[in-house]
Amino acid sequence: MTTPHLSPSLRADNLVFTSGQLAFDETGVINGDIGEQTRVVIARLQQVLRPHGLDLQDIVKTTVFITNSDDFLAFNEAYAQAFGAHKPTRSTVIAGLAATNALVEIEAIAQVRI
């Protein structure tokens, strides 16, 4: 797998912007249904927020890309389970994704509390 030309996350003032996260495993492969991929993607979001001292509760906005509208309910269930009572704003787009087997990609904006 070629490394893309991007940063996993960047801080600008009191906001942290993440790049879109995909459900790659440790070997660089994406597997699983939409629920499993959503859980992996959210875990990856947590990993890229951690160096900034942030977690899911600090996310104020997500943009979600899913490949099939039929997957929306299963995606939403896994997403809601991960975020619990915290409900950041969200846009969801049906789109093709660049990675083979990818069903979901999520990018986020998180706020650093000052």
PDB file of N, CA and C in Angstrom:
ATOM      1  N   MET A   1       0.845  -1.174   0.000  1.00  0.00           N
ATOM      2  CA  MET A   1       0.000   0.000   0.000  1.00  0.00           C
ATOM      3  C   MET A   1       0.890   1.237   0.000  1.00  0.00           C
ATOM      4  N   THR A   2       0.616   2.160  -0.881  1.00  0.00           N
ATOM      5  CA  THR A   2       1.352   3.412  -0.944  1.00  0.00           C
ATOM      6  C   THR A   2       0.831   4.353   0.127  1.00  0.00           C
ATOM      7  N   THR A   3       1.740   5.030   0.813  1.00  0.00           N
ATOM      8  CA  THR A   3       1.336   5.968   1.850  1.00  0.00           C
ATOM      9  C   THR A   3       0.785   7.232   1.208  1.00  0.00           C
ATOM     10  N   PRO A   4      -0.455   7.629   1.566  1.00  0.00           N
ATOM     11  CA  PRO A   4      -1.018   8.841   0.978  1.00  0.00           C
ATOM     12  C   PRO A   4      -0.332  10.095   1.515  1.00  0.00           C
ATOM     13  N   HIS A   5      -0.395  11.166   0.740  1.00  0.00           N
ATOM     14  CA  HIS A   5       0.230  12.437   1.114  1.00  0.00           C
ATOM     15  C   HIS A   5      -0.760  13.240   1.958  1.00  0.00           C
ATOM     16  N   LEU A   6      -0.786  12.957   3.263  1.00  0.00           N
ATOM     17  CA  LEU A   6      -1.709  13.627   4.173  1.00  0.00           C
ATOM     18  C   LEU A   6      -1.250  13.459   5.608  1.00  0.00           C
ATOM     19  N   SER A   7      -1.826  14.256   6.487  1.00  0.00           N
ATOM     20  CA  SER A   7      -1.614  14.113   7.927  1.00  0.00           C
ATOM     21  C   SER A   7      -2.848  13.428   8.504  1.00  0.00           C
ATOM     22  N   PRO A   8      -2.670  12.519   9.454  1.00  0.00           N
ATOM     23  CA  PRO A   8      -3.840  11.885  10.069  1.00  0.00           C
ATOM     24  C   PRO A   8      -4.722  12.901  10.797  1.00  0.00           C
ATOM     25  N   SER A   9      -4.071  13.928  11.381  1.00  0.00           N
ATOM     26  CA  SER A   9      -4.810  14.984  12.069  1.00  0.00           C
ATOM     27  C   SER A   9      -3.923  16.210  12.194  1.00  0.00           C
ATOM     28  N   LEU A  10      -4.578  17.363  12.239  1.00  0.00           N
ATOM     29  CA  LEU A  10      -3.868  18.631  12.426  1.00  0.00           C
ATOM     30  C   LEU A  10      -4.672  19.521  13.354  1.00  0.00           C
ATOM     31  N   ARG A  11      -3.954  20.244  14.209  1.00  0.00           N
ATOM     32  CA  ARG A  11      -4.610  21.203  15.095  1.00  0.00           C
ATOM     33  C   ARG A  11      -4.481  22.602  14.507  1.00  0.00           C
ATOM     34  N   ALA A  12      -5.589  23.348  14.521  1.00  0.00           N
ATOM     35  CA  ALA A  12      -5.623  24.750  14.120  1.00  0.00           C
ATOM     36  C   ALA A  12      -6.385  25.495  15.217  1.00  0.00           C
ATOM     37  N   ASP A  13      -5.653  26.310  15.979  1.00  0.00           N
ATOM     38  CA  ASP A  13      -6.224  26.982  17.150  1.00  0.00           C
ATOM     39  C   ASP A  13      -6.813  25.929  18.088  1.00  0.00           C
ATOM     40  N   ASN A  14      -8.114  26.032  18.387  1.00  0.00           N
ATOM     41  CA  ASN A  14      -8.685  25.066  19.329  1.00  0.00           C
ATOM     42  C   ASN A  14      -9.481  23.952  18.631  1.00  0.00           C
ATOM     43  N   LEU A  15      -9.202  23.747  17.348  1.00  0.00           N
ATOM     44  CA  LEU A  15      -9.864  22.674  16.611  1.00  0.00           C
ATOM     45  C   LEU A  15      -8.845  21.666  16.090  1.00  0.00           C
ATOM     46  N   VAL A  16      -9.233  20.405  16.087  1.00  0.00           N
ATOM     47  CA  VAL A  16      -8.421  19.343  15.490  1.00  0.00           C
ATOM     48  C   VAL A  16      -9.239  18.738  14.356  1.00  0.00           C
ATOM     49  N   PHE A  17      -8.630  18.688  13.180  1.00  0.00           N
ATOM     50  CA  PHE A  17      -9.254  18.135  11.984  1.00  0.00           C
ATOM     51  C   PHE A  17      -8.606  16.793  11.686  1.00  0.00           C
ATOM     52  N   THR A  18      -9.419  15.764  11.482  1.00  0.00           N
ATOM     53  CA  THR A  18      -8.855  14.465  11.116  1.00  0.00           C
ATOM     54  C   THR A  18      -9.041  14.224   9.627  1.00  0.00           C
ATOM     55  N   SER A  19      -8.137  13.468   9.061  1.00  0.00           N
ATOM     56  CA  SER A  19      -8.334  12.961   7.708  1.00  0.00           C
ATOM     57  C   SER A  19      -9.387  11.867   7.777  1.00  0.00           C
ATOM     58  N   GLY A  20      -9.952  11.535   6.631  1.00  0.00           N
ATOM     59  CA  GLY A  20     -10.915  10.444   6.602  1.00  0.00           C
ATOM     60  C   GLY A  20     -10.255   9.145   7.035  1.00  0.00           C
ATOM     61  N   GLN A  21     -10.946   8.413   7.895  1.00  0.00           N
ATOM     62  CA  GLN A  21     -10.431   7.150   8.414  1.00  0.00           C
ATOM     63  C   GLN A  21     -11.174   5.991   7.762  1.00  0.00           C
ATOM     64  N   LEU A  22     -10.414   4.974   7.387  1.00  0.00           N
ATOM     65  CA  LEU A  22     -10.953   3.757   6.792  1.00  0.00           C
ATOM     66  C   LEU A  22     -10.651   2.578   7.707  1.00  0.00           C
ATOM     67  N   ALA A  23     -11.304   1.458   7.469  1.00  0.00           N
ATOM     68  CA  ALA A  23     -11.212   0.297   8.359  1.00  0.00           C
ATOM     69  C   ALA A  23     -10.068  -0.651   8.004  1.00  0.00           C
ATOM     70  N   PHE A  24      -8.881  -0.118   7.735  1.00  0.00           N
ATOM     71  CA  PHE A  24      -7.730  -0.975   7.453  1.00  0.00           C
ATOM     72  C   PHE A  24      -7.336  -1.767   8.693  1.00  0.00           C
ATOM     73  N   ASP A  25      -7.022  -3.058   8.508  1.00  0.00           N
ATOM     74  CA  ASP A  25      -6.458  -3.830   9.608  1.00  0.00           C
ATOM     75  C   ASP A  25      -4.938  -3.658   9.598  1.00  0.00           C
ATOM     76  N   GLU A  26      -4.248  -4.381  10.470  1.00  0.00           N
ATOM     77  CA  GLU A  26      -2.793  -4.221  10.615  1.00  0.00           C
ATOM     78  C   GLU A  26      -2.016  -4.643   9.369  1.00  0.00           C
ATOM     79  N   THR A  27      -2.669  -5.391   8.468  1.00  0.00           N
ATOM     80  CA  THR A  27      -1.998  -5.803   7.229  1.00  0.00           C
ATOM     81  C   THR A  27      -2.367  -4.910   6.041  1.00  0.00           C
ATOM     82  N   GLY A  28      -3.170  -3.878   6.291  1.00  0.00           N
ATOM     83  CA  GLY A  28      -3.556  -2.966   5.225  1.00  0.00           C
ATOM     84  C   GLY A  28      -4.749  -3.423   4.405  1.00  0.00           C
ATOM     85  N   VAL A  29      -5.524  -4.356   4.958  1.00  0.00           N
ATOM     86  CA  VAL A  29      -6.692  -4.898   4.268  1.00  0.00           C
ATOM     87  C   VAL A  29      -7.961  -4.416   4.971  1.00  0.00           C
ATOM     88  N   ILE A  30      -9.012  -4.212   4.202  1.00  0.00           N
ATOM     89  CA  ILE A  30     -10.319  -3.847   4.755  1.00  0.00           C
ATOM     90  C   ILE A  30     -11.263  -5.021   4.561  1.00  0.00           C
ATOM     91  N   ASN A  31     -11.878  -5.472   5.664  1.00  0.00           N
ATOM     92  CA  ASN A  31     -12.843  -6.568   5.634  1.00  0.00           C
ATOM     93  C   ASN A  31     -14.024  -6.219   6.522  1.00  0.00           C
ATOM     94  N   GLY A  32     -15.046  -7.039   6.461  1.00  0.00           N
ATOM     95  CA  GLY A  32     -16.173  -6.904   7.372  1.00  0.00           C
ATOM     96  C   GLY A  32     -17.349  -6.164   6.766  1.00  0.00           C
ATOM     97  N   ASP A  33     -18.481  -6.292   7.466  1.00  0.00           N
ATOM     98  CA  ASP A  33     -19.690  -5.608   7.030  1.00  0.00           C
ATOM     99  C   ASP A  33     -19.655  -4.155   7.505  1.00  0.00           C
ATOM    100  N   ILE A  34     -20.694  -3.417   7.218  1.00  0.00           N
ATOM    101  CA  ILE A  34     -20.719  -1.991   7.548  1.00  0.00           C
ATOM    102  C   ILE A  34     -20.617  -1.747   9.057  1.00  0.00           C
ATOM    103  N   GLY A  35     -21.242  -2.589   9.868  1.00  0.00           N
ATOM    104  CA  GLY A  35     -21.164  -2.423  11.317  1.00  0.00           C
ATOM    105  C   GLY A  35     -19.747  -2.605  11.830  1.00  0.00           C
ATOM    106  N   GLU A  36     -19.101  -3.683  11.385  1.00  0.00           N
ATOM    107  CA  GLU A  36     -17.723  -3.951  11.807  1.00  0.00           C
ATOM    108  C   GLU A  36     -16.783  -2.851  11.321  1.00  0.00           C
ATOM    109  N   GLN A  37     -16.920  -2.454  10.061  1.00  0.00           N
ATOM    110  CA  GLN A  37     -16.052  -1.396   9.544  1.00  0.00           C
ATOM    111  C   GLN A  37     -16.275  -0.081  10.291  1.00  0.00           C
ATOM    112  N   THR A  38     -17.513   0.232  10.631  1.00  0.00           N
ATOM    113  CA  THR A  38     -17.791   1.465  11.378  1.00  0.00           C
ATOM    114  C   THR A  38     -17.095   1.437  12.725  1.00  0.00           C
ATOM    115  N   ARG A  39     -17.148   0.315  13.418  1.00  0.00           N
ATOM    116  CA  ARG A  39     -16.476   0.203  14.724  1.00  0.00           C
ATOM    117  C   ARG A  39     -14.963   0.379  14.584  1.00  0.00           C
ATOM    118  N   VAL A  40     -14.368  -0.207  13.553  1.00  0.00           N
ATOM    119  CA  VAL A  40     -12.921  -0.063  13.327  1.00  0.00           C
ATOM    120  C   VAL A  40     -12.577   1.386  12.994  1.00  0.00           C
ATOM    121  N   VAL A  41     -13.370   2.010  12.135  1.00  0.00           N
ATOM    122  CA  VAL A  41     -13.114   3.405  11.753  1.00  0.00           C
ATOM    123  C   VAL A  41     -13.190   4.316  12.974  1.00  0.00           C
ATOM    124  N   ILE A  42     -14.173   4.121  13.832  1.00  0.00           N
ATOM    125  CA  ILE A  42     -14.301   4.964  15.026  1.00  0.00           C
ATOM    126  C   ILE A  42     -13.135   4.720  15.976  1.00  0.00           C
ATOM    127  N   ALA A  43     -12.677   3.485  16.084  1.00  0.00           N
ATOM    128  CA  ALA A  43     -11.485   3.209  16.901  1.00  0.00           C
ATOM    129  C   ALA A  43     -10.270   3.932  16.325  1.00  0.00           C
ATOM    130  N   ARG A  44     -10.164   3.987  15.012  1.00  0.00           N
ATOM    131  CA  ARG A  44      -9.053   4.713  14.368  1.00  0.00           C
ATOM    132  C   ARG A  44      -9.172   6.214  14.624  1.00  0.00           C
ATOM    133  N   LEU A  45     -10.388   6.748  14.621  1.00  0.00           N
ATOM    134  CA  LEU A  45     -10.579   8.161  14.972  1.00  0.00           C
ATOM    135  C   LEU A  45     -10.058   8.432  16.379  1.00  0.00           C
ATOM    136  N   GLN A  46     -10.391   7.540  17.310  1.00  0.00           N
ATOM    137  CA  GLN A  46      -9.898   7.696  18.684  1.00  0.00           C
ATOM    138  C   GLN A  46      -8.371   7.715  18.712  1.00  0.00           C
ATOM    139  N   GLN A  47      -7.742   6.860  17.914  1.00  0.00           N
ATOM    140  CA  GLN A  47      -6.277   6.807  17.878  1.00  0.00           C
ATOM    141  C   GLN A  47      -5.666   8.106  17.371  1.00  0.00           C
ATOM    142  N   VAL A  48      -6.267   8.722  16.355  1.00  0.00           N
ATOM    143  CA  VAL A  48      -5.677   9.955  15.821  1.00  0.00           C
ATOM    144  C   VAL A  48      -5.994  11.163  16.693  1.00  0.00           C
ATOM    145  N   LEU A  49      -7.027  11.083  17.510  1.00  0.00           N
ATOM    146  CA  LEU A  49      -7.345  12.179  18.437  1.00  0.00           C
ATOM    147  C   LEU A  49      -6.502  12.116  19.709  1.00  0.00           C
ATOM    148  N   ARG A  50      -6.118  10.919  20.113  1.00  0.00           N
ATOM    149  CA  ARG A  50      -5.407  10.711  21.381  1.00  0.00           C
ATOM    150  C   ARG A  50      -4.152  11.573  21.541  1.00  0.00           C
ATOM    151  N   PRO A  51      -3.287  11.732  20.531  1.00  0.00           N
ATOM    152  CA  PRO A  51      -2.094  12.574  20.711  1.00  0.00           C
ATOM    153  C   PRO A  51      -2.416  14.038  21.023  1.00  0.00           C
ATOM    154  N   HIS A  52      -3.637  14.456  20.723  1.00  0.00           N
ATOM    155  CA  HIS A  52      -4.067  15.825  21.015  1.00  0.00           C
ATOM    156  C   HIS A  52      -4.761  15.906  22.375  1.00  0.00           C
ATOM    157  N   GLY A  53      -4.810  14.788  23.106  1.00  0.00           N
ATOM    158  CA  GLY A  53      -5.490  14.751  24.397  1.00  0.00           C
ATOM    159  C   GLY A  53      -7.005  14.747  24.262  1.00  0.00           C
ATOM    160  N   LEU A  54      -7.502  14.257  23.135  1.00  0.00           N
ATOM    161  CA  LEU A  54      -8.936  14.285  22.855  1.00  0.00           C
ATOM    162  C   LEU A  54      -9.492  12.878  22.694  1.00  0.00           C
ATOM    163  N   ASP A  55     -10.824  12.777  22.796  1.00  0.00           N
ATOM    164  CA  ASP A  55     -11.498  11.511  22.522  1.00  0.00           C
ATOM    165  C   ASP A  55     -12.812  11.790  21.795  1.00  0.00           C
ATOM    166  N   LEU A  56     -13.640  10.781  21.651  1.00  0.00           N
ATOM    167  CA  LEU A  56     -14.878  10.931  20.884  1.00  0.00           C
ATOM    168  C   LEU A  56     -15.781  12.028  21.430  1.00  0.00           C
ATOM    169  N   GLN A  57     -15.764  12.222  22.741  1.00  0.00           N
ATOM    170  CA  GLN A  57     -16.635  13.229  23.355  1.00  0.00           C
ATOM    171  C   GLN A  57     -16.255  14.654  22.960  1.00  0.00           C
ATOM    172  N   ASP A  58     -15.071  14.831  22.397  1.00  0.00           N
ATOM    173  CA  ASP A  58     -14.615  16.159  21.964  1.00  0.00           C
ATOM    174  C   ASP A  58     -14.967  16.452  20.505  1.00  0.00           C
ATOM    175  N   ILE A  59     -15.492  15.467  19.802  1.00  0.00           N
ATOM    176  CA  ILE A  59     -15.860  15.665  18.397  1.00  0.00           C
ATOM    177  C   ILE A  59     -17.110  16.534  18.318  1.00  0.00           C
ATOM    178  N   VAL A  60     -17.041  17.565  17.471  1.00  0.00           N
ATOM    179  CA  VAL A  60     -18.186  18.456  17.281  1.00  0.00           C
ATOM    180  C   VAL A  60     -18.856  18.246  15.920  1.00  0.00           C
ATOM    181  N   LYS A  61     -18.167  17.593  14.981  1.00  0.00           N
ATOM    182  CA  LYS A  61     -18.716  17.396  13.636  1.00  0.00           C
ATOM    183  C   LYS A  61     -18.061  16.191  12.983  1.00  0.00           C
ATOM    184  N   THR A  62     -18.871  15.357  12.362  1.00  0.00           N
ATOM    185  CA  THR A  62     -18.325  14.282  11.531  1.00  0.00           C
ATOM    186  C   THR A  62     -18.916  14.392  10.126  1.00  0.00           C
ATOM    187  N   THR A  63     -18.123  13.964   9.173  1.00  0.00           N
ATOM    188  CA  THR A  63     -18.610  13.774   7.813  1.00  0.00           C
ATOM    189  C   THR A  63     -18.391  12.304   7.490  1.00  0.00           C
ATOM    190  N   VAL A  64     -19.463  11.647   7.112  1.00  0.00           N
ATOM    191  CA  VAL A  64     -19.453  10.206   6.886  1.00  0.00           C
ATOM    192  C   VAL A  64     -19.738   9.936   5.415  1.00  0.00           C
ATOM    193  N   PHE A  65     -18.965   9.030   4.853  1.00  0.00           N
ATOM    194  CA  PHE A  65     -19.181   8.575   3.482  1.00  0.00           C
ATOM    195  C   PHE A  65     -19.467   7.081   3.538  1.00  0.00           C
ATOM    196  N   ILE A  66     -20.626   6.670   3.037  1.00  0.00           N
ATOM    197  CA  ILE A  66     -20.931   5.241   2.937  1.00  0.00           C
ATOM    198  C   ILE A  66     -21.221   4.930   1.466  1.00  0.00           C
ATOM    199  N   THR A  67     -20.956   3.692   1.083  1.00  0.00           N
ATOM    200  CA  THR A  67     -21.063   3.340  -0.333  1.00  0.00           C
ATOM    201  C   THR A  67     -22.462   2.911  -0.753  1.00  0.00           C
ATOM    202  N   ASN A  68     -23.313   2.565   0.213  1.00  0.00           N
ATOM    203  CA  ASN A  68     -24.616   2.011  -0.133  1.00  0.00           C
ATOM    204  C   ASN A  68     -25.666   2.517   0.851  1.00  0.00           C
ATOM    205  N   SER A  69     -26.699   3.145   0.345  1.00  0.00           N
ATOM    206  CA  SER A  69     -27.749   3.670   1.228  1.00  0.00           C
ATOM    207  C   SER A  69     -28.451   2.557   1.999  1.00  0.00           C
ATOM    208  N   ASP A  70     -28.441   1.339   1.485  1.00  0.00           N
ATOM    209  CA  ASP A  70     -29.043   0.212   2.200  1.00  0.00           C
ATOM    210  C   ASP A  70     -28.301  -0.099   3.498  1.00  0.00           C
ATOM    211  N   ASP A  71     -27.065   0.357   3.625  1.00  0.00           N
ATOM    212  CA  ASP A  71     -26.258   0.118   4.832  1.00  0.00           C
ATOM    213  C   ASP A  71     -26.482   1.168   5.912  1.00  0.00           C
ATOM    214  N   PHE A  72     -27.291   2.191   5.635  1.00  0.00           N
ATOM    215  CA  PHE A  72     -27.382   3.314   6.564  1.00  0.00           C
ATOM    216  C   PHE A  72     -27.846   2.899   7.960  1.00  0.00           C
ATOM    217  N   LEU A  73     -28.884   2.090   8.070  1.00  0.00           N
ATOM    218  CA  LEU A  73     -29.390   1.725   9.397  1.00  0.00           C
ATOM    219  C   LEU A  73     -28.348   0.966  10.213  1.00  0.00           C
ATOM    220  N   ALA A  74     -27.666   0.007   9.602  1.00  0.00           N
ATOM    221  CA  ALA A  74     -26.629  -0.748  10.319  1.00  0.00           C
ATOM    222  C   ALA A  74     -25.462   0.160  10.682  1.00  0.00           C
ATOM    223  N   PHE A  75     -25.080   1.063   9.767  1.00  0.00           N
ATOM    224  CA  PHE A  75     -24.042   2.042  10.087  1.00  0.00           C
ATOM    225  C   PHE A  75     -24.467   2.882  11.275  1.00  0.00           C
ATOM    226  N   ASN A  76     -25.676   3.435  11.223  1.00  0.00           N
ATOM    227  CA  ASN A  76     -26.147   4.343  12.263  1.00  0.00           C
ATOM    228  C   ASN A  76     -26.194   3.658  13.624  1.00  0.00           C
ATOM    229  N   GLU A  77     -26.556   2.384  13.643  1.00  0.00           N
ATOM    230  CA  GLU A  77     -26.591   1.630  14.897  1.00  0.00           C
ATOM    231  C   GLU A  77     -25.188   1.518  15.506  1.00  0.00           C
ATOM    232  N   ALA A  78     -24.194   1.149  14.704  1.00  0.00           N
ATOM    233  CA  ALA A  78     -22.816   1.035  15.208  1.00  0.00           C
ATOM    234  C   ALA A  78     -22.278   2.400  15.625  1.00  0.00           C
ATOM    235  N   TYR A  79     -22.589   3.433  14.863  1.00  0.00           N
ATOM    236  CA  TYR A  79     -22.149   4.806  15.164  1.00  0.00           C
ATOM    237  C   TYR A  79     -22.749   5.269  16.491  1.00  0.00           C
ATOM    238  N   ALA A  80     -24.069   5.086  16.653  1.00  0.00           N
ATOM    239  CA  ALA A  80     -24.748   5.504  17.882  1.00  0.00           C
ATOM    240  C   ALA A  80     -24.214   4.744  19.090  1.00  0.00           C
ATOM    241  N   GLN A  81     -23.929   3.480  18.923  1.00  0.00           N
ATOM    242  CA  GLN A  81     -23.373   2.668  20.004  1.00  0.00           C
ATOM    243  C   GLN A  81     -22.022   3.226  20.449  1.00  0.00           C
ATOM    244  N   ALA A  82     -21.188   3.633  19.513  1.00  0.00           N
ATOM    245  CA  ALA A  82     -19.855   4.154  19.835  1.00  0.00           C
ATOM    246  C   ALA A  82     -19.926   5.518  20.509  1.00  0.00           C
ATOM    247  N   PHE A  83     -20.812   6.382  20.042  1.00  0.00           N
ATOM    248  CA  PHE A  83     -20.871   7.741  20.573  1.00  0.00           C
ATOM    249  C   PHE A  83     -21.768   7.868  21.801  1.00  0.00           C
ATOM    250  N   GLY A  84     -22.659   6.923  22.027  1.00  0.00           N
ATOM    251  CA  GLY A  84     -23.524   6.975  23.197  1.00  0.00           C
ATOM    252  C   GLY A  84     -24.396   8.223  23.188  1.00  0.00           C
ATOM    253  N   ALA A  85     -24.468   8.899  24.338  1.00  0.00           N
ATOM    254  CA  ALA A  85     -25.312  10.089  24.481  1.00  0.00           C
ATOM    255  C   ALA A  85     -24.755  11.297  23.732  1.00  0.00           C
ATOM    256  N   HIS A  86     -23.463  11.274  23.415  1.00  0.00           N
ATOM    257  CA  HIS A  86     -22.840  12.392  22.692  1.00  0.00           C
ATOM    258  C   HIS A  86     -23.284  12.351  21.231  1.00  0.00           C
ATOM    259  N   LYS A  87     -23.831  13.468  20.739  1.00  0.00           N
ATOM    260  CA  LYS A  87     -24.339  13.524  19.365  1.00  0.00           C
ATOM    261  C   LYS A  87     -23.719  14.702  18.620  1.00  0.00           C
ATOM    262  N   PRO A  88     -22.509  14.513  18.062  1.00  0.00           N
ATOM    263  CA  PRO A  88     -21.925  15.597  17.261  1.00  0.00           C
ATOM    264  C   PRO A  88     -22.759  15.819  15.997  1.00  0.00           C
ATOM    265  N   THR A  89     -22.647  17.010  15.423  1.00  0.00           N
ATOM    266  CA  THR A  89     -23.312  17.228  14.140  1.00  0.00           C
ATOM    267  C   THR A  89     -22.708  16.260  13.127  1.00  0.00           C
ATOM    268  N   ARG A  90     -23.510  15.912  12.111  1.00  0.00           N
ATOM    269  CA  ARG A  90     -23.032  14.905  11.159  1.00  0.00           C
ATOM    270  C   ARG A  90     -23.653  15.128   9.794  1.00  0.00           C
ATOM    271  N   SER A  91     -22.846  14.971   8.784  1.00  0.00           N
ATOM    272  CA  SER A  91     -23.329  14.884   7.406  1.00  0.00           C
ATOM    273  C   SER A  91     -23.009  13.482   6.917  1.00  0.00           C
ATOM    274  N   THR A  92     -23.940  12.870   6.207  1.00  0.00           N
ATOM    275  CA  THR A  92     -23.717  11.533   5.659  1.00  0.00           C
ATOM    276  C   THR A  92     -23.940  11.588   4.153  1.00  0.00           C
ATOM    277  N   VAL A  93     -22.958  11.099   3.421  1.00  0.00           N
ATOM    278  CA  VAL A  93     -22.960  11.162   1.963  1.00  0.00           C
ATOM    279  C   VAL A  93     -22.829   9.745   1.403  1.00  0.00           C
ATOM    280  N   ILE A  94     -23.608   9.449   0.374  1.00  0.00           N
ATOM    281  CA  ILE A  94     -23.450   8.181  -0.337  1.00  0.00           C
ATOM    282  C   ILE A  94     -22.444   8.433  -1.459  1.00  0.00           C
ATOM    283  N   ALA A  95     -21.340   7.676  -1.450  1.00  0.00           N
ATOM    284  CA  ALA A  95     -20.268   7.929  -2.420  1.00  0.00           C
ATOM    285  C   ALA A  95     -19.416   6.680  -2.605  1.00  0.00           C
ATOM    286  N   GLY A  96     -18.732   6.617  -3.728  1.00  0.00           N
ATOM    287  CA  GLY A  96     -17.724   5.587  -3.928  1.00  0.00           C
ATOM    288  C   GLY A  96     -16.491   5.934  -3.102  1.00  0.00           C
ATOM    289  N   LEU A  97     -15.793   4.927  -2.614  1.00  0.00           N
ATOM    290  CA  LEU A  97     -14.587   5.144  -1.812  1.00  0.00           C
ATOM    291  C   LEU A  97     -13.376   4.584  -2.548  1.00  0.00           C
ATOM    292  N   ALA A  98     -12.217   5.173  -2.289  1.00  0.00           N
ATOM    293  CA  ALA A  98     -11.002   4.842  -3.034  1.00  0.00           C
ATOM    294  C   ALA A  98     -10.417   3.475  -2.690  1.00  0.00           C
ATOM    295  N   ALA A  99     -10.627   3.001  -1.470  1.00  0.00           N
ATOM    296  CA  ALA A  99     -10.000   1.751  -1.032  1.00  0.00           C
ATOM    297  C   ALA A  99     -10.891   0.545  -1.341  1.00  0.00           C
ATOM    298  N   THR A 100     -10.274  -0.530  -1.803  1.00  0.00           N
ATOM    299  CA  THR A 100     -10.982  -1.769  -2.095  1.00  0.00           C
ATOM    300  C   THR A 100     -11.667  -2.295  -0.842  1.00  0.00           C
ATOM    301  N   ASN A 101     -12.917  -2.692  -0.968  1.00  0.00           N
ATOM    302  CA  ASN A 101     -13.750  -3.254   0.098  1.00  0.00           C
ATOM    303  C   ASN A 101     -14.232  -2.236   1.124  1.00  0.00           C
ATOM    304  N   ALA A 102     -13.854  -0.975   1.009  1.00  0.00           N
ATOM    305  CA  ALA A 102     -14.288   0.033   1.986  1.00  0.00           C
ATOM    306  C   ALA A 102     -15.774   0.313   1.817  1.00  0.00           C
ATOM    307  N   LEU A 103     -16.492   0.285   2.937  1.00  0.00           N
ATOM    308  CA  LEU A 103     -17.919   0.585   2.947  1.00  0.00           C
ATOM    309  C   LEU A 103     -18.218   1.902   3.644  1.00  0.00           C
ATOM    310  N   VAL A 104     -17.268   2.382   4.464  1.00  0.00           N
ATOM    311  CA  VAL A 104     -17.490   3.603   5.241  1.00  0.00           C
ATOM    312  C   VAL A 104     -16.168   4.329   5.460  1.00  0.00           C
ATOM    313  N   GLU A 105     -16.228   5.644   5.431  1.00  0.00           N
ATOM    314  CA  GLU A 105     -15.093   6.509   5.768  1.00  0.00           C
ATOM    315  C   GLU A 105     -15.650   7.645   6.614  1.00  0.00           C
ATOM    316  N   ILE A 106     -14.934   7.998   7.684  1.00  0.00           N
ATOM    317  CA  ILE A 106     -15.384   9.080   8.566  1.00  0.00           C
ATOM    318  C   ILE A 106     -14.232  10.035   8.817  1.00  0.00           C
ATOM    319  N   GLU A 107     -14.523  11.334   8.675  1.00  0.00           N
ATOM    320  CA  GLU A 107     -13.594  12.378   9.091  1.00  0.00           C
ATOM    321  C   GLU A 107     -14.280  13.184  10.183  1.00  0.00           C
ATOM    322  N   ALA A 108     -13.488  13.834  11.025  1.00  0.00           N
ATOM    323  CA  ALA A 108     -14.066  14.523  12.177  1.00  0.00           C
ATOM    324  C   ALA A 108     -13.364  15.841  12.459  1.00  0.00           C
ATOM    325  N   ILE A 109     -14.094  16.698  13.143  1.00  0.00           N
ATOM    326  CA  ILE A 109     -13.547  17.927  13.712  1.00  0.00           C
ATOM    327  C   ILE A 109     -13.812  17.849  15.207  1.00  0.00           C
ATOM    328  N   ALA A 110     -12.759  18.028  15.993  1.00  0.00           N
ATOM    329  CA  ALA A 110     -12.883  17.986  17.451  1.00  0.00           C
ATOM    330  C   ALA A 110     -12.432  19.317  18.032  1.00  0.00           C
ATOM    331  N   GLN A 111     -12.978  19.636  19.200  1.00  0.00           N
ATOM    332  CA  GLN A 111     -12.655  20.901  19.853  1.00  0.00           C
ATOM    333  C   GLN A 111     -11.791  20.656  21.078  1.00  0.00           C
ATOM    334  N   VAL A 112     -10.693  21.416  21.149  1.00  0.00           N
ATOM    335  CA  VAL A 112      -9.828  21.391  22.329  1.00  0.00           C
ATOM    336  C   VAL A 112     -10.422  22.371  23.326  1.00  0.00           C
ATOM    337  N   ARG A 113     -10.742  21.910  24.510  1.00  0.00           N
ATOM    338  CA  ARG A 113     -11.325  22.778  25.548  1.00  0.00           C
ATOM    339  C   ARG A 113     -10.227  23.635  26.149  1.00  0.00           C
ATOM    340  N   ILE A 114     -10.441  24.927  26.130  1.00  0.00           N
ATOM    341  CA  ILE A 114      -9.426  25.857  26.651  1.00  0.00           C
ATOM    342  C   ILE A 114      -9.845  26.375  28.008  1.00  0.00           C
TER     343      ILE A 114
END
